[in-house]
Amino acid sequence: SDCEDRSVLFAYLVGKLLDFDIIMLDFPGHIAVAVNLGEYNTGAVLEYKGKTYSVTDPTYINATAGMVMPQFKNTSPEIIEPEI
């Protein structure tokens, strides 16, 4: 599976099973997810519609919440609101 497949599955599971607010992040040539972890937001975070989200990339192997792939650290992604 590629980044789109993993991100969509991850977003669906986190949104439906854990009931966390999520957004999709569209970097050039790469899709990731950001999750509103409340008081546990850490690392690379972004604000969207008054909420704070931690980047959570299911394709970044061994990364923890809040880590962004090095090639995207200085890139602002387009935000996509999933319809879950």
C-alpha atoms as a PDB file:
ATOM      1  CA  SER A   1       0.000   0.000   0.000  1.00  0.00           C
ATOM      2  CA  ASP A   2       1.090   3.586  -0.542  1.00  0.00           C
ATOM      3  CA  CYS A   3       0.807   6.715   1.606  1.00  0.00           C
ATOM      4  CA  GLU A   4      -2.739   7.496   0.453  1.00  0.00           C
ATOM      5  CA  ASP A   5      -4.011   4.020   1.310  1.00  0.00           C
ATOM      6  CA  ARG A   6      -2.352   3.910   4.730  1.00  0.00           C
ATOM      7  CA  SER A   7      -3.401   7.449   5.611  1.00  0.00           C
ATOM      8  CA  VAL A   8      -7.030   6.899   4.649  1.00  0.00           C
ATOM      9  CA  LEU A   9      -7.197   3.649   6.644  1.00  0.00           C
ATOM     10  CA  PHE A  10      -5.453   5.229   9.642  1.00  0.00           C
ATOM     11  CA  ALA A  11      -7.728   8.293   9.538  1.00  0.00           C
ATOM     12  CA  TYR A  12     -10.820   6.104   9.328  1.00  0.00           C
ATOM     13  CA  LEU A  13      -9.787   3.931  12.271  1.00  0.00           C
ATOM     14  CA  VAL A  14      -8.737   6.846  14.492  1.00  0.00           C
ATOM     15  CA  GLY A  15     -11.831   8.862  13.597  1.00  0.00           C
ATOM     16  CA  LYS A  16     -14.387   6.053  13.905  1.00  0.00           C
ATOM     17  CA  LEU A  17     -12.957   3.822  16.633  1.00  0.00           C
ATOM     18  CA  LEU A  18     -11.286   6.408  18.869  1.00  0.00           C
ATOM     19  CA  ASP A  19     -13.557   9.344  17.990  1.00  0.00           C
ATOM     20  CA  PHE A  20     -10.623  11.775  17.601  1.00  0.00           C
ATOM     21  CA  ASP A  21     -10.823  14.774  15.275  1.00  0.00           C
ATOM     22  CA  ILE A  22      -8.572  14.223  12.285  1.00  0.00           C
ATOM     23  CA  ILE A  23      -7.519  16.077   9.161  1.00  0.00           C
ATOM     24  CA  MET A  24      -5.602  14.903   6.126  1.00  0.00           C
ATOM     25  CA  LEU A  25      -2.391  16.642   5.094  1.00  0.00           C
ATOM     26  CA  ASP A  26      -1.569  16.900   1.391  1.00  0.00           C
ATOM     27  CA  PHE A  27       2.147  17.497   0.962  1.00  0.00           C
ATOM     28  CA  PRO A  28       3.599  17.586  -2.581  1.00  0.00           C
ATOM     29  CA  GLY A  29       3.536  13.916  -3.586  1.00  0.00           C
ATOM     30  CA  HIS A  30       2.634  12.667  -0.101  1.00  0.00           C
ATOM     31  CA  ILE A  31      -0.461  12.311   2.101  1.00  0.00           C
ATOM     32  CA  ALA A  32      -0.338  12.188   5.911  1.00  0.00           C
ATOM     33  CA  VAL A  33      -2.772  12.636   8.797  1.00  0.00           C
ATOM     34  CA  ALA A  34      -2.977  14.986  11.767  1.00  0.00           C
ATOM     35  CA  VAL A  35      -4.901  14.105  14.922  1.00  0.00           C
ATOM     36  CA  ASN A  36      -6.242  16.365  17.654  1.00  0.00           C
ATOM     37  CA  LEU A  37      -4.701  14.689  20.705  1.00  0.00           C
ATOM     38  CA  GLY A  38      -5.903  17.360  23.110  1.00  0.00           C
ATOM     39  CA  GLU A  39      -3.450  17.981  25.925  1.00  0.00           C
ATOM     40  CA  TYR A  40      -1.154  15.327  24.430  1.00  0.00           C
ATOM     41  CA  ASN A  41      -0.408  17.208  21.197  1.00  0.00           C
ATOM     42  CA  THR A  42       3.330  17.189  20.684  1.00  0.00           C
ATOM     43  CA  GLY A  43       6.071  17.876  18.148  1.00  0.00           C
ATOM     44  CA  ALA A  44       4.957  19.162  14.759  1.00  0.00           C
ATOM     45  CA  VAL A  45       1.525  20.614  15.387  1.00  0.00           C
ATOM     46  CA  LEU A  46      -0.746  22.824  13.333  1.00  0.00           C
ATOM     47  CA  GLU A  47      -3.807  24.918  14.033  1.00  0.00           C
ATOM     48  CA  TYR A  48      -6.956  24.436  12.014  1.00  0.00           C
ATOM     49  CA  LYS A  49     -10.382  25.917  12.744  1.00  0.00           C
ATOM     50  CA  GLY A  50      -9.468  26.671  16.346  1.00  0.00           C
ATOM     51  CA  LYS A  51      -8.113  23.207  17.114  1.00  0.00           C
ATOM     52  CA  THR A  52      -4.540  21.940  17.424  1.00  0.00           C
ATOM     53  CA  TYR A  53      -3.465  18.790  15.589  1.00  0.00           C
ATOM     54  CA  SER A  54      -0.308  16.657  15.832  1.00  0.00           C
ATOM     55  CA  VAL A  55       1.090  15.268  12.603  1.00  0.00           C
ATOM     56  CA  THR A  56       0.718  11.492  12.643  1.00  0.00           C
ATOM     57  CA  ASP A  57       2.118   9.899   9.503  1.00  0.00           C
ATOM     58  CA  PRO A  58       1.331   6.172   9.248  1.00  0.00           C
ATOM     59  CA  THR A  59       3.965   5.731   6.520  1.00  0.00           C
ATOM     60  CA  TYR A  60       6.843   7.291   8.479  1.00  0.00           C
ATOM     61  CA  ILE A  61       8.312   4.097   9.947  1.00  0.00           C
ATOM     62  CA  ASN A  62       9.247   4.288  13.667  1.00  0.00           C
ATOM     63  CA  ALA A  63       7.960   7.874  13.935  1.00  0.00           C
ATOM     64  CA  THR A  64       5.956   9.007  16.918  1.00  0.00           C
ATOM     65  CA  ALA A  65       3.090  11.492  16.924  1.00  0.00           C
ATOM     66  CA  GLY A  66       4.401  14.919  16.046  1.00  0.00           C
ATOM     67  CA  MET A  67       7.164  13.779  13.696  1.00  0.00           C
ATOM     68  CA  VAL A  68       7.267  14.944  10.071  1.00  0.00           C
ATOM     69  CA  MET A  69       9.357  13.326   7.366  1.00  0.00           C
ATOM     70  CA  PRO A  70      12.527  15.416   6.938  1.00  0.00           C
ATOM     71  CA  GLN A  71      11.770  16.331   3.326  1.00  0.00           C
ATOM     72  CA  PHE A  72       8.465  17.960   4.398  1.00  0.00           C
ATOM     73  CA  LYS A  73       9.585  19.836   7.540  1.00  0.00           C
ATOM     74  CA  ASN A  74       9.579  23.214   5.778  1.00  0.00           C
ATOM     75  CA  THR A  75       6.506  22.550   3.637  1.00  0.00           C
ATOM     76  CA  SER A  76       2.990  23.745   4.448  1.00  0.00           C
ATOM     77  CA  PRO A  77       0.518  21.042   3.443  1.00  0.00           C
ATOM     78  CA  GLU A  78      -2.920  21.605   2.010  1.00  0.00           C
ATOM     79  CA  ILE A  79      -5.495  20.549   4.591  1.00  0.00           C
ATOM     80  CA  ILE A  80      -8.252  18.171   3.569  1.00  0.00           C
ATOM     81  CA  GLU A  81     -11.244  17.517   5.804  1.00  0.00           C
ATOM     82  CA  PRO A  82     -12.172  13.851   5.526  1.00  0.00           C
ATOM     83  CA  GLU A  83     -15.781  12.788   5.249  1.00  0.00           C
ATOM     84  CA  ILE A  84     -15.816  10.073   7.887  1.00  0.00           C
END
